[in-house]
Amino acid sequence: MNEHHHYEVAVRQEDGVRCVILRRRIGLLSAVVARRLVGPGPVDLRVDAEEDWYHFSARAHGDARIELGAGETAYLSTETAGGFTGVYLGLYASGAGHPRAAWDWFDYQPVD
């Protein structure tokens, strides 16, 4: 996983509308593969990992979980993405100088 090989699940404003997106970036290819509208309030973002796939979803406050899609784990491997120290998860916020995100918690649960 690096700046050219990663998946993003994010909440953002597009033309004044709040939405959650899934973007897949593999080399020079970058595409938003899912976009769903969400209302105001907190949004839970979720990544479920399997051996061959990552599954991405979101849930706005009080709403049902929204399935956004999946990405193959192989595209983030050393063989595909080049040498790196392994797959990791990071939190990131950008608001053109205006604070727009806050995290209340982060949870990682390994599943056998």
N, C-alpha and C. Protein backbone atom coordinates (compact mmCIF):
# COMPACT_ATOMS: atom_id res chain seq x y z
N MET A 1 0.85 -1.16 0.00
CA MET A 1 0.00 0.00 0.00
C MET A 1 0.90 1.23 0.00
N ASN A 2 0.69 2.10 -0.97
CA ASN A 2 1.44 3.35 -1.06
C ASN A 2 0.58 4.35 -1.82
N GLU A 3 1.15 5.49 -2.19
CA GLU A 3 0.35 6.53 -2.86
C GLU A 3 -0.17 6.10 -4.22
N HIS A 4 0.36 5.02 -4.79
CA HIS A 4 -0.10 4.54 -6.09
C HIS A 4 -0.89 3.23 -6.02
N HIS A 5 -0.98 2.65 -4.86
CA HIS A 5 -1.72 1.39 -4.68
C HIS A 5 -2.44 1.44 -3.34
N HIS A 6 -3.70 1.84 -3.37
CA HIS A 6 -4.47 1.92 -2.13
C HIS A 6 -5.96 2.00 -2.43
N TYR A 7 -6.75 1.79 -1.39
CA TYR A 7 -8.20 1.95 -1.44
C TYR A 7 -8.57 3.02 -0.43
N GLU A 8 -9.59 3.82 -0.77
CA GLU A 8 -10.05 4.88 0.12
C GLU A 8 -11.55 4.74 0.33
N VAL A 9 -11.99 4.83 1.55
CA VAL A 9 -13.41 4.99 1.86
C VAL A 9 -13.48 6.31 2.62
N ALA A 10 -14.35 7.21 2.16
CA ALA A 10 -14.33 8.57 2.69
C ALA A 10 -15.70 9.21 2.68
N VAL A 11 -15.85 10.20 3.55
CA VAL A 11 -17.02 11.07 3.54
C VAL A 11 -16.54 12.40 2.98
N ARG A 12 -17.29 12.95 2.01
CA ARG A 12 -16.88 14.22 1.44
C ARG A 12 -18.08 14.97 0.88
N GLN A 13 -17.86 16.26 0.63
CA GLN A 13 -18.87 17.11 0.01
C GLN A 13 -18.60 17.17 -1.49
N GLU A 14 -19.62 16.97 -2.29
CA GLU A 14 -19.52 17.11 -3.74
C GLU A 14 -20.67 17.99 -4.21
N ASP A 15 -20.36 19.18 -4.70
CA ASP A 15 -21.38 20.11 -5.17
C ASP A 15 -22.43 20.37 -4.10
N GLY A 16 -21.99 20.52 -2.86
CA GLY A 16 -22.90 20.81 -1.75
C GLY A 16 -23.66 19.62 -1.21
N VAL A 17 -23.39 18.41 -1.72
CA VAL A 17 -24.07 17.21 -1.27
C VAL A 17 -23.07 16.33 -0.53
N ARG A 18 -23.47 15.84 0.62
CA ARG A 18 -22.60 14.99 1.43
C ARG A 18 -22.75 13.54 0.99
N CYS A 19 -21.61 12.88 0.75
CA CYS A 19 -21.66 11.49 0.30
C CYS A 19 -20.49 10.71 0.88
N VAL A 20 -20.61 9.40 0.80
CA VAL A 20 -19.52 8.50 1.16
C VAL A 20 -19.08 7.83 -0.14
N ILE A 21 -17.77 7.68 -0.32
CA ILE A 21 -17.24 7.14 -1.57
C ILE A 21 -16.26 6.00 -1.30
N LEU A 22 -16.09 5.17 -2.31
CA LEU A 22 -15.02 4.17 -2.35
C LEU A 22 -14.21 4.44 -3.60
N ARG A 23 -12.91 4.70 -3.41
CA ARG A 23 -11.99 4.92 -4.53
C ARG A 23 -10.96 3.81 -4.51
N ARG A 24 -10.67 3.27 -5.70
CA ARG A 24 -9.60 2.28 -5.84
C ARG A 24 -8.51 2.90 -6.69
N ARG A 25 -7.26 2.83 -6.19
CA ARG A 25 -6.11 3.38 -6.90
C ARG A 25 -5.11 2.25 -7.11
N ILE A 26 -4.88 1.89 -8.37
CA ILE A 26 -3.92 0.84 -8.73
C ILE A 26 -3.01 1.43 -9.80
N GLY A 27 -1.77 1.73 -9.42
CA GLY A 27 -0.85 2.36 -10.36
C GLY A 27 -1.39 3.70 -10.83
N LEU A 28 -1.45 3.91 -12.13
CA LEU A 28 -1.96 5.17 -12.68
C LEU A 28 -3.48 5.19 -12.81
N LEU A 29 -4.13 4.06 -12.54
CA LEU A 29 -5.59 3.98 -12.62
C LEU A 29 -6.21 4.38 -11.28
N SER A 30 -7.13 5.31 -11.32
CA SER A 30 -7.82 5.75 -10.11
C SER A 30 -9.28 5.97 -10.47
N ALA A 31 -10.19 5.36 -9.70
CA ALA A 31 -11.61 5.51 -9.98
C ALA A 31 -12.42 5.45 -8.71
N VAL A 32 -13.41 6.34 -8.62
CA VAL A 32 -14.41 6.24 -7.57
C VAL A 32 -15.41 5.21 -8.07
N VAL A 33 -15.50 4.08 -7.40
CA VAL A 33 -16.34 2.97 -7.86
C VAL A 33 -17.68 2.91 -7.13
N ALA A 34 -17.84 3.72 -6.09
CA ALA A 34 -19.13 3.79 -5.40
C ALA A 34 -19.29 5.18 -4.80
N ARG A 35 -20.50 5.69 -4.86
CA ARG A 35 -20.84 6.99 -4.29
C ARG A 35 -22.27 6.89 -3.78
N ARG A 36 -22.47 7.13 -2.47
CA ARG A 36 -23.80 7.07 -1.87
C ARG A 36 -24.03 8.33 -1.04
N LEU A 37 -25.20 8.89 -1.15
CA LEU A 37 -25.55 10.08 -0.37
C LEU A 37 -25.72 9.69 1.10
N VAL A 38 -25.28 10.57 1.99
CA VAL A 38 -25.49 10.39 3.43
C VAL A 38 -25.96 11.72 4.01
N GLY A 39 -26.76 11.62 5.04
CA GLY A 39 -27.28 12.81 5.70
C GLY A 39 -26.29 13.37 6.70
N PRO A 40 -26.73 14.38 7.44
CA PRO A 40 -25.85 14.99 8.44
C PRO A 40 -25.62 14.04 9.61
N GLY A 41 -24.58 14.32 10.36
CA GLY A 41 -24.28 13.55 11.55
C GLY A 41 -23.15 12.57 11.34
N PRO A 42 -22.88 11.79 12.38
CA PRO A 42 -21.76 10.85 12.34
C PRO A 42 -21.95 9.77 11.28
N VAL A 43 -20.83 9.31 10.73
CA VAL A 43 -20.82 8.21 9.77
C VAL A 43 -19.76 7.22 10.23
N ASP A 44 -20.14 5.95 10.35
CA ASP A 44 -19.20 4.89 10.67
C ASP A 44 -18.68 4.31 9.36
N LEU A 45 -17.36 4.28 9.19
CA LEU A 45 -16.73 3.67 8.02
C LEU A 45 -16.18 2.32 8.45
N ARG A 46 -16.30 1.32 7.59
CA ARG A 46 -15.89 -0.03 7.98
C ARG A 46 -15.13 -0.71 6.85
N VAL A 47 -14.08 -1.44 7.24
CA VAL A 47 -13.32 -2.29 6.32
C VAL A 47 -13.28 -3.69 6.92
N ASP A 48 -13.78 -4.66 6.18
CA ASP A 48 -13.69 -6.06 6.57
C ASP A 48 -12.69 -6.74 5.64
N ALA A 49 -11.71 -7.42 6.20
CA ALA A 49 -10.66 -8.04 5.41
C ALA A 49 -10.79 -9.55 5.40
N GLU A 50 -10.64 -10.12 4.22
CA GLU A 50 -10.54 -11.56 4.04
C GLU A 50 -9.19 -11.82 3.37
N GLU A 51 -8.86 -13.06 3.15
CA GLU A 51 -7.57 -13.38 2.53
C GLU A 51 -7.42 -12.72 1.16
N ASP A 52 -8.46 -12.74 0.35
CA ASP A 52 -8.37 -12.24 -1.02
C ASP A 52 -9.08 -10.92 -1.27
N TRP A 53 -9.88 -10.43 -0.31
CA TRP A 53 -10.69 -9.24 -0.55
C TRP A 53 -10.76 -8.34 0.68
N TYR A 54 -10.88 -7.03 0.43
CA TYR A 54 -11.29 -6.05 1.43
C TYR A 54 -12.70 -5.62 1.06
N HIS A 55 -13.60 -5.56 2.05
CA HIS A 55 -14.98 -5.13 1.82
C HIS A 55 -15.20 -3.82 2.57
N PHE A 56 -15.79 -2.83 1.87
CA PHE A 56 -15.95 -1.50 2.42
C PHE A 56 -17.43 -1.17 2.58
N SER A 57 -17.76 -0.55 3.72
CA SER A 57 -19.15 -0.16 3.96
C SER A 57 -19.18 1.06 4.86
N ALA A 58 -20.36 1.65 4.99
CA ALA A 58 -20.54 2.82 5.84
C ALA A 58 -21.94 2.76 6.44
N ARG A 59 -22.10 3.50 7.53
CA ARG A 59 -23.42 3.60 8.15
C ARG A 59 -23.56 4.99 8.73
N ALA A 60 -24.52 5.74 8.21
CA ALA A 60 -24.82 7.05 8.76
C ALA A 60 -25.67 6.86 10.01
N HIS A 61 -25.64 7.81 10.89
CA HIS A 61 -26.35 7.73 12.17
C HIS A 61 -27.82 7.35 11.97
N GLY A 62 -28.20 6.20 12.54
CA GLY A 62 -29.58 5.75 12.49
C GLY A 62 -30.00 5.05 11.21
N ASP A 63 -29.13 4.97 10.22
CA ASP A 63 -29.46 4.34 8.94
C ASP A 63 -28.91 2.92 8.87
N ALA A 64 -29.35 2.18 7.88
CA ALA A 64 -28.81 0.84 7.63
C ALA A 64 -27.41 0.94 7.03
N ARG A 65 -26.62 -0.10 7.20
CA ARG A 65 -25.28 -0.14 6.62
C ARG A 65 -25.36 -0.10 5.10
N ILE A 66 -24.47 0.68 4.49
CA ILE A 66 -24.38 0.83 3.04
C ILE A 66 -23.17 0.05 2.55
N GLU A 67 -23.37 -0.96 1.72
CA GLU A 67 -22.25 -1.70 1.13
C GLU A 67 -21.72 -0.86 -0.04
N LEU A 68 -20.42 -0.58 -0.02
CA LEU A 68 -19.81 0.25 -1.06
C LEU A 68 -19.09 -0.56 -2.12
N GLY A 69 -18.57 -1.72 -1.76
CA GLY A 69 -17.85 -2.53 -2.73
C GLY A 69 -16.67 -3.22 -2.09
N ALA A 70 -15.82 -3.76 -2.93
CA ALA A 70 -14.68 -4.54 -2.47
C ALA A 70 -13.47 -4.25 -3.34
N GLY A 71 -12.30 -4.62 -2.83
CA GLY A 71 -11.05 -4.51 -3.57
C GLY A 71 -10.19 -5.72 -3.29
N GLU A 72 -9.50 -6.20 -4.30
CA GLU A 72 -8.65 -7.37 -4.16
C GLU A 72 -7.41 -7.05 -3.33
N THR A 73 -7.06 -7.95 -2.42
CA THR A 73 -5.88 -7.75 -1.60
C THR A 73 -4.60 -7.84 -2.43
N ALA A 74 -4.62 -8.59 -3.52
CA ALA A 74 -3.41 -8.80 -4.33
C ALA A 74 -2.85 -7.49 -4.88
N TYR A 75 -3.71 -6.50 -5.12
CA TYR A 75 -3.22 -5.23 -5.69
C TYR A 75 -2.44 -4.40 -4.69
N LEU A 76 -2.49 -4.77 -3.41
CA LEU A 76 -1.71 -4.06 -2.40
C LEU A 76 -0.51 -4.88 -1.93
N SER A 77 -0.22 -5.97 -2.65
CA SER A 77 0.89 -6.85 -2.26
C SER A 77 2.23 -6.28 -2.71
N THR A 78 3.30 -6.77 -2.10
CA THR A 78 4.65 -6.37 -2.50
C THR A 78 4.89 -6.69 -3.97
N GLU A 79 4.41 -7.82 -4.44
CA GLU A 79 4.62 -8.22 -5.84
C GLU A 79 3.99 -7.24 -6.82
N THR A 80 2.86 -6.67 -6.47
CA THR A 80 2.15 -5.74 -7.36
C THR A 80 2.54 -4.29 -7.11
N ALA A 81 2.55 -3.89 -5.84
CA ALA A 81 2.75 -2.48 -5.50
C ALA A 81 4.22 -2.10 -5.31
N GLY A 82 5.11 -3.08 -5.34
CA GLY A 82 6.52 -2.79 -5.09
C GLY A 82 6.84 -2.99 -3.62
N GLY A 83 8.09 -2.83 -3.27
CA GLY A 83 8.52 -3.07 -1.90
C GLY A 83 7.91 -2.10 -0.92
N PHE A 84 7.35 -2.62 0.12
CA PHE A 84 6.82 -1.81 1.21
C PHE A 84 6.73 -2.67 2.45
N THR A 85 6.35 -2.10 3.56
CA THR A 85 6.40 -2.80 4.84
C THR A 85 5.12 -3.55 5.18
N GLY A 86 4.14 -3.55 4.32
CA GLY A 86 2.89 -4.26 4.57
C GLY A 86 1.69 -3.36 4.46
N VAL A 87 0.54 -3.95 4.54
CA VAL A 87 -0.71 -3.21 4.44
C VAL A 87 -1.01 -2.55 5.78
N TYR A 88 -1.48 -1.32 5.74
CA TYR A 88 -1.82 -0.61 6.96
C TYR A 88 -3.08 0.20 6.74
N LEU A 89 -3.68 0.66 7.82
CA LEU A 89 -4.89 1.46 7.78
C LEU A 89 -4.57 2.81 8.38
N GLY A 90 -4.98 3.87 7.71
CA GLY A 90 -4.70 5.21 8.21
C GLY A 90 -5.93 6.09 8.18
N LEU A 91 -6.00 7.02 9.11
CA LEU A 91 -7.08 8.01 9.15
C LEU A 91 -6.53 9.32 8.62
N TYR A 92 -7.32 9.99 7.80
CA TYR A 92 -6.85 11.21 7.15
C TYR A 92 -8.02 12.18 7.02
N ALA A 93 -7.76 13.47 7.22
CA ALA A 93 -8.79 14.49 7.03
C ALA A 93 -8.19 15.67 6.29
N SER A 94 -8.98 16.25 5.40
CA SER A 94 -8.56 17.43 4.67
C SER A 94 -9.77 18.33 4.52
N GLY A 95 -9.58 19.61 4.76
CA GLY A 95 -10.70 20.53 4.65
C GLY A 95 -10.30 21.90 4.17
N ALA A 96 -9.24 21.97 3.35
CA ALA A 96 -8.76 23.25 2.80
C ALA A 96 -8.59 24.29 3.91
N GLY A 97 -8.00 23.86 5.02
CA GLY A 97 -7.74 24.78 6.12
C GLY A 97 -8.87 24.90 7.12
N HIS A 98 -9.98 24.25 6.88
CA HIS A 98 -11.13 24.29 7.79
C HIS A 98 -11.32 22.92 8.40
N PRO A 99 -11.37 22.82 9.73
CA PRO A 99 -11.58 21.51 10.34
C PRO A 99 -12.95 20.95 9.96
N ARG A 100 -12.96 19.71 9.44
CA ARG A 100 -14.20 19.12 8.98
C ARG A 100 -14.39 17.69 9.44
N ALA A 101 -13.47 17.17 10.20
CA ALA A 101 -13.58 15.77 10.62
C ALA A 101 -13.11 15.63 12.06
N ALA A 102 -13.75 14.70 12.75
CA ALA A 102 -13.33 14.35 14.10
C ALA A 102 -13.56 12.87 14.29
N TRP A 103 -12.67 12.23 15.03
CA TRP A 103 -12.81 10.81 15.32
C TRP A 103 -13.09 10.65 16.79
N ASP A 104 -14.14 9.92 17.10
CA ASP A 104 -14.43 9.59 18.48
C ASP A 104 -13.73 8.31 18.90
N TRP A 105 -13.54 7.39 17.94
CA TRP A 105 -12.92 6.12 18.26
C TRP A 105 -12.46 5.43 16.99
N PHE A 106 -11.54 4.51 17.19
CA PHE A 106 -11.05 3.63 16.14
C PHE A 106 -10.97 2.25 16.75
N ASP A 107 -11.45 1.24 16.04
CA ASP A 107 -11.48 -0.10 16.61
C ASP A 107 -10.93 -1.09 15.59
N TYR A 108 -10.06 -1.95 16.03
CA TYR A 108 -9.51 -3.03 15.21
C TYR A 108 -9.81 -4.34 15.90
N GLN A 109 -10.47 -5.24 15.22
CA GLN A 109 -10.82 -6.53 15.81
C GLN A 109 -10.36 -7.66 14.90
N PRO A 110 -9.29 -8.34 15.27
CA PRO A 110 -8.88 -9.50 14.47
C PRO A 110 -9.91 -10.61 14.60
N VAL A 111 -10.18 -11.28 13.49
CA VAL A 111 -11.16 -12.36 13.48
C VAL A 111 -10.47 -13.61 12.99
N ASP A 112 -10.62 -14.71 13.71
CA ASP A 112 -10.00 -15.97 13.30
C ASP A 112 -10.77 -16.61 12.18
